[in-house]
Amino acid sequence: MQPAQDSLIGDIYEPVMVHEPEVRTSPFIFASPHSGRCYEDGFLKQACAPLTVLRRSEDAYVDQFFSCVTELGASFVEAVFPRAFVDPNRGPDELDARLFDGVPAAGFAPPNARTSAGLGVIPRLAADGRSIHPGKIDYCEGRRRLDAYYRPYHEALKNQIRQIVDQFGHAVLIDCHSMPSSSGRGADIVLGDRFGASCGRNLINHAEAYFKSLGFAVTRNRPYAGGYTTEHYGQPLIGVHVMQVEINRGLYLHEADVQPSSNMANLTERLQTWAKSMIYTEHTGRLAAE
């Protein structure tokens, strides 16, 4: 697999890429919903925020950290489209009514903290609080984005979970993200399991212990307990375990211009070592068991 090295502008023919191992030997799925950096040309032409600002919403290059997992018998699912365009870690009805013209009477969830902050499934604001669009957009455009981008991503996740549960009796989804260095409260890694609701204890205990053994400062659930993916798919009582991983961007990124720092290669090696530990321990120790 060769992930895109930088942002691309133009038509997006494949909104989600599912990378499967030649032989599946692991119940793990690694997913990267926010590292997409392919931008529709039409979107950029009408956006009032420049590309450099839009890109700060990306979980930049997180896809490259975990691209190795297919060689270890696990799956890797990545969104190709950018988070500033559609955010697949939101519910499909988390729509900010302030963004749209032609709003129907139904179809919107009540406002919550995310939509009120302009960070719904179709974001209104960029990472620095700047408006993405010069004004309202047509509601039909919002629906187009959901149908063409959001839904294929979640269909891919559901298909992977279904296939893996059928094969192994359980599935483990690692939802991979990065966080601004200013928001991590001193943590290098934040693990989210919805305060114990989305995955078994063995999984998150091992994840935390191994990260610490690699020299990372780790916290759980604060400030990030998990988003829509963790909440929606995590059902450990029926064998579907979901854990969110947030990586401090200051460890590998020049955040202002969204370019990798000299620490990128070292961090990639350490994160891949962690991923191998998760997968190999599952082979022998059943991490998904309580």
Protein backbone atom coordinates (compact mmCIF):
# COMPACT_ATOMS: atom_id res chain seq x y z
CA MET A 1 0.00 0.00 0.00
CA GLN A 2 1.32 3.44 -0.90
CA PRO A 3 -0.63 6.18 0.91
CA ALA A 4 -0.79 9.64 -0.66
CA GLN A 5 2.21 11.69 0.41
CA ASP A 6 0.46 15.04 0.29
CA SER A 7 -2.89 16.63 -0.44
CA LEU A 8 -4.47 15.97 -3.83
CA ILE A 9 -7.02 18.13 -5.59
CA GLY A 10 -9.56 16.84 -8.09
CA ASP A 11 -12.16 14.13 -8.48
CA ILE A 12 -12.31 11.46 -5.79
CA TYR A 13 -13.22 8.18 -7.42
CA GLU A 14 -12.65 5.96 -4.41
CA PRO A 15 -13.77 7.67 -1.18
CA VAL A 16 -12.67 4.82 1.07
CA MET A 17 -9.87 2.30 0.69
CA VAL A 18 -10.07 -1.10 2.34
CA HIS A 19 -6.74 -2.86 2.57
CA GLU A 20 -7.09 -6.52 3.41
CA PRO A 21 -4.34 -9.04 4.16
CA GLU A 22 -3.58 -11.78 1.69
CA VAL A 23 -4.50 -14.24 4.43
CA ARG A 24 -6.56 -12.94 7.33
CA THR A 25 -5.10 -14.30 10.57
CA SER A 26 -6.21 -11.54 12.95
CA PRO A 27 -9.57 -10.19 14.14
CA PHE A 28 -8.13 -6.64 14.15
CA ILE A 29 -9.30 -3.76 11.97
CA PHE A 30 -7.35 -0.52 12.07
CA ALA A 31 -9.25 2.49 10.74
CA SER A 32 -8.24 6.06 9.94
CA PRO A 33 -11.31 8.25 9.36
CA HIS A 34 -9.58 11.64 9.47
CA SER A 35 -6.29 11.30 7.58
CA GLY A 36 -7.85 11.80 4.13
CA ARG A 37 -6.19 14.54 2.12
CA CYS A 38 -7.88 14.39 -1.28
CA TYR A 39 -9.93 17.55 -1.84
CA GLU A 40 -12.67 18.09 -4.41
CA ASP A 41 -11.67 20.98 -6.66
CA GLY A 42 -15.18 22.43 -6.46
CA PHE A 43 -15.09 22.40 -2.69
CA LEU A 44 -11.82 24.32 -2.57
CA LYS A 45 -13.01 26.87 -5.13
CA GLN A 46 -15.99 27.86 -2.98
CA ALA A 47 -14.30 27.54 0.42
CA CYS A 48 -13.29 30.79 2.13
CA ALA A 49 -10.66 29.06 4.28
CA PRO A 50 -7.39 28.33 2.46
CA LEU A 51 -6.10 24.79 2.00
CA THR A 52 -3.40 25.28 4.63
CA VAL A 53 -6.10 26.00 7.22
CA LEU A 54 -8.40 23.20 6.06
CA ARG A 55 -5.54 20.74 6.34
CA ARG A 56 -5.12 21.49 10.04
CA SER A 57 -8.37 19.56 10.59
CA GLU A 58 -6.72 16.42 9.25
CA ASP A 59 -5.29 13.69 11.42
CA ALA A 60 -2.37 14.12 9.09
CA TYR A 61 -0.41 11.03 8.03
CA VAL A 62 -2.01 8.74 10.61
CA ASP A 63 -2.65 6.33 7.74
CA GLN A 64 1.09 5.90 7.30
CA PHE A 65 1.59 4.85 10.91
CA PHE A 66 -0.62 1.78 10.58
CA SER A 67 -0.23 0.76 6.94
CA CYS A 68 1.87 -2.21 8.08
CA VAL A 69 -1.02 -4.10 9.68
CA THR A 70 -2.07 -5.89 6.48
CA GLU A 71 1.30 -7.66 6.57
CA LEU A 72 0.34 -8.93 10.03
CA GLY A 73 -2.98 -10.45 8.98
CA ALA A 74 -5.21 -7.48 9.92
CA SER A 75 -7.33 -5.05 7.88
CA PHE A 76 -6.82 -1.33 7.38
CA VAL A 77 -9.66 1.03 6.40
CA GLU A 78 -8.95 4.64 5.45
CA ALA A 79 -11.11 7.56 4.38
CA VAL A 80 -9.57 9.32 1.37
CA PHE A 81 -11.68 12.48 1.70
CA PRO A 82 -10.79 15.21 4.23
CA ARG A 83 -12.46 15.81 7.54
CA ALA A 84 -13.20 19.46 6.67
CA PHE A 85 -15.46 18.15 3.89
CA VAL A 86 -17.21 15.27 5.68
CA ASP A 87 -16.49 13.93 9.16
CA PRO A 88 -17.16 10.18 9.32
CA ASN A 89 -16.67 10.15 13.10
CA ARG A 90 -20.02 11.87 13.57
CA GLY A 91 -23.55 10.55 13.37
CA PRO A 92 -25.23 11.00 9.97
CA ASP A 93 -27.85 13.28 11.54
CA GLU A 94 -25.34 15.47 13.42
CA LEU A 95 -26.07 18.33 11.04
CA ASP A 96 -25.57 21.97 11.92
CA ALA A 97 -28.75 23.70 10.73
CA ARG A 98 -26.91 27.03 10.63
CA LEU A 99 -24.88 25.77 7.67
CA PHE A 100 -27.70 24.87 5.30
CA ASP A 101 -30.27 26.43 3.01
CA GLY A 102 -33.35 24.41 2.17
CA VAL A 103 -33.43 22.62 5.50
CA PRO A 104 -36.20 19.97 5.76
CA ALA A 105 -38.51 19.75 8.75
CA ALA A 106 -36.93 16.47 9.90
CA GLY A 107 -33.59 14.70 9.61
CA PHE A 108 -31.53 16.70 12.09
CA ALA A 109 -30.50 15.49 15.52
CA PRO A 110 -30.99 17.94 18.38
CA PRO A 111 -27.96 20.25 18.74
CA ASN A 112 -25.14 18.78 20.78
CA ALA A 113 -21.69 20.01 21.80
CA ARG A 114 -20.16 19.03 18.47
CA THR A 115 -22.75 20.61 16.19
CA SER A 116 -22.98 23.68 18.41
CA ALA A 117 -19.20 24.08 17.98
CA GLY A 118 -19.57 23.95 14.20
CA LEU A 119 -18.07 20.44 14.06
CA GLY A 120 -20.95 18.33 12.82
CA VAL A 121 -20.83 15.64 10.15
CA ILE A 122 -20.57 18.44 7.56
CA PRO A 123 -18.26 20.84 9.42
CA ARG A 124 -19.06 24.55 9.45
CA LEU A 125 -15.78 25.63 11.02
CA ALA A 126 -12.14 24.76 10.36
CA ALA A 127 -9.68 23.74 13.07
CA ASP A 128 -8.82 27.35 13.93
CA GLY A 129 -12.48 28.37 14.25
CA ARG A 130 -12.58 30.00 10.82
CA SER A 131 -15.65 29.47 8.62
CA ILE A 132 -15.08 26.88 5.92
CA HIS A 133 -17.77 28.25 3.59
CA PRO A 134 -18.51 31.90 2.76
CA GLY A 135 -22.17 31.39 3.66
CA LYS A 136 -24.78 28.68 3.76
CA ILE A 137 -24.65 25.70 1.42
CA ASP A 138 -27.60 23.93 -0.14
CA TYR A 139 -28.95 21.06 1.93
CA CYS A 140 -28.83 18.86 -1.18
CA GLU A 141 -25.06 19.35 -1.26
CA GLY A 142 -24.86 18.08 2.30
CA ARG A 143 -26.88 15.01 1.40
CA ARG A 144 -24.65 14.41 -1.64
CA ARG A 145 -21.57 14.38 0.56
CA LEU A 146 -23.17 11.93 2.99
CA ASP A 147 -24.28 9.58 0.21
CA ALA A 148 -21.03 9.71 -1.76
CA TYR A 149 -18.48 9.75 1.07
CA TYR A 150 -19.85 9.15 4.55
CA ARG A 151 -22.01 6.12 3.80
CA PRO A 152 -19.34 4.18 1.83
CA TYR A 153 -16.92 4.59 4.73
CA HIS A 154 -19.36 3.16 7.24
CA GLU A 155 -20.47 0.40 4.89
CA ALA A 156 -16.82 -0.59 4.63
CA LEU A 157 -16.45 -0.69 8.42
CA LYS A 158 -19.64 -2.69 8.85
CA ASN A 159 -18.61 -5.18 6.18
CA GLN A 160 -15.22 -5.69 7.80
CA ILE A 161 -16.74 -6.19 11.23
CA ARG A 162 -19.30 -8.64 9.87
CA GLN A 163 -16.72 -10.72 8.01
CA ILE A 164 -14.32 -10.85 10.93
CA VAL A 165 -16.97 -11.76 13.50
CA ASP A 166 -18.08 -14.56 11.16
CA GLN A 167 -14.50 -15.86 10.99
CA PHE A 168 -13.25 -15.35 14.55
CA GLY A 169 -16.37 -14.91 16.66
CA HIS A 170 -15.28 -11.39 17.63
CA ALA A 171 -13.70 -8.28 16.09
CA VAL A 172 -11.39 -5.58 17.41
CA LEU A 173 -11.53 -2.14 15.79
CA ILE A 174 -8.74 0.35 16.56
CA ASP A 175 -9.96 3.81 15.56
CA CYS A 176 -6.82 5.83 14.84
CA HIS A 177 -6.61 9.61 15.30
CA SER A 178 -4.26 12.45 16.12
CA MET A 179 -4.83 15.43 18.38
CA PRO A 180 -3.46 18.97 18.45
CA SER A 181 -0.52 19.23 20.82
CA SER A 182 -2.37 21.99 22.67
CA SER A 183 -5.28 19.69 23.58
CA GLY A 184 -3.54 16.61 24.90
CA ARG A 185 -3.07 17.90 28.48
CA GLY A 186 0.47 16.61 28.51
CA ALA A 187 -0.35 13.18 27.07
CA ASP A 188 1.41 11.63 24.10
CA ILE A 189 -1.39 9.10 23.65
CA VAL A 190 -5.03 9.21 24.75
CA LEU A 191 -6.95 5.93 24.71
CA GLY A 192 -10.74 6.07 24.54
CA ASP A 193 -13.16 3.29 25.42
CA ARG A 194 -16.21 5.37 26.37
CA PHE A 195 -15.26 4.84 30.03
CA GLY A 196 -15.33 1.07 29.73
CA ALA A 197 -18.37 0.74 27.47
CA SER A 198 -16.81 0.05 24.07
CA CYS A 199 -14.18 -2.64 24.63
CA GLY A 200 -12.99 -5.26 27.07
CA ARG A 201 -10.61 -4.37 29.89
CA ASN A 202 -7.83 -6.65 28.65
CA LEU A 203 -7.61 -4.77 25.37
CA ILE A 204 -7.21 -1.28 26.79
CA ASN A 205 -5.05 -2.46 29.70
CA HIS A 206 -2.58 -4.07 27.32
CA ALA A 207 -2.68 -1.09 24.95
CA GLU A 208 -1.86 1.32 27.76
CA ALA A 209 0.86 -0.84 29.31
CA TYR A 210 2.64 -1.42 26.01
CA PHE A 211 2.51 2.26 25.03
CA LYS A 212 4.06 3.11 28.39
CA SER A 213 6.77 0.49 27.88
CA LEU A 214 7.68 2.35 24.66
CA GLY A 215 8.10 5.59 26.61
CA PHE A 216 4.78 7.29 25.85
CA ALA A 217 2.78 9.31 28.39
CA VAL A 218 -0.72 7.80 28.26
CA THR A 219 -4.12 8.81 29.60
CA ARG A 220 -7.57 7.27 29.23
CA ASN A 221 -10.77 8.97 28.07
CA ARG A 222 -9.70 12.51 28.90
CA PRO A 223 -9.96 14.65 26.94
CA TYR A 224 -11.10 12.12 24.29
CA ALA A 225 -13.33 9.20 25.24
CA GLY A 226 -14.24 8.25 21.67
CA GLY A 227 -16.55 9.60 19.00
CA TYR A 228 -19.36 8.17 16.90
CA THR A 229 -17.38 5.13 15.71
CA THR A 230 -16.46 4.05 19.22
CA GLU A 231 -19.94 4.67 20.57
CA HIS A 232 -21.84 3.20 17.62
CA TYR A 233 -19.84 0.03 16.94
CA GLY A 234 -18.40 -0.83 20.33
CA GLN A 235 -20.52 -3.68 21.70
CA PRO A 236 -18.17 -5.91 23.68
CA LEU A 237 -20.99 -8.06 25.04
CA ILE A 238 -21.57 -9.37 21.51
CA GLY A 239 -17.89 -9.52 20.62
CA VAL A 240 -17.25 -6.19 18.89
CA HIS A 241 -14.56 -4.21 20.70
CA VAL A 242 -13.67 -0.65 19.67
CA MET A 243 -10.88 1.47 21.11
CA GLN A 244 -9.91 4.98 19.99
CA VAL A 245 -6.25 5.99 19.88
CA GLU A 246 -5.27 9.69 19.80
CA ILE A 247 -1.65 10.56 18.98
CA ASN A 248 -0.19 13.93 19.93
CA ARG A 249 0.70 15.74 16.67
CA GLY A 250 3.57 17.49 18.36
CA LEU A 251 5.40 14.16 18.34
CA TYR A 252 5.73 14.10 14.55
CA LEU A 253 4.27 17.16 12.84
CA HIS A 254 4.94 20.82 12.18
CA GLU A 255 1.34 21.68 12.96
CA ALA A 256 1.17 25.13 11.34
CA ASP A 257 2.01 23.88 7.84
CA VAL A 258 0.96 20.23 8.34
CA GLN A 259 4.34 18.80 7.34
CA PRO A 260 6.12 15.84 8.96
CA SER A 261 8.96 16.66 11.34
CA SER A 262 12.26 14.83 11.65
CA ASN A 263 10.64 12.63 14.34
CA MET A 264 8.18 11.07 11.90
CA ALA A 265 10.22 7.95 11.10
CA ASN A 266 11.01 7.18 14.74
CA LEU A 267 7.40 7.60 15.82
CA THR A 268 6.21 5.41 12.95
CA GLU A 269 8.54 2.63 14.07
CA ARG A 270 7.33 2.86 17.68
CA LEU A 271 3.64 2.88 16.70
CA GLN A 272 4.11 -0.08 14.39
CA THR A 273 5.82 -1.94 17.23
CA TRP A 274 2.75 -1.23 19.36
CA ALA A 275 0.39 -2.44 16.63
CA LYS A 276 2.37 -5.67 16.26
CA SER A 277 2.15 -6.22 20.01
CA MET A 278 -1.62 -5.81 19.93
CA ILE A 279 -2.05 -8.22 17.04
CA TYR A 280 0.40 -10.86 18.26
CA THR A 281 -0.89 -10.78 21.83
CA GLU A 282 -4.38 -11.35 20.48
CA HIS A 283 -3.06 -14.48 18.75
CA THR A 284 -2.00 -15.96 22.07
CA GLY A 285 -3.81 -14.16 24.86
CA ARG A 286 -7.27 -13.25 23.58
CA LEU A 287 -7.21 -9.52 24.27
CA ALA A 288 -10.85 -9.28 23.40
CA ALA A 289 -11.81 -11.47 26.33
CA GLU A 290 -12.79 -9.72 29.55
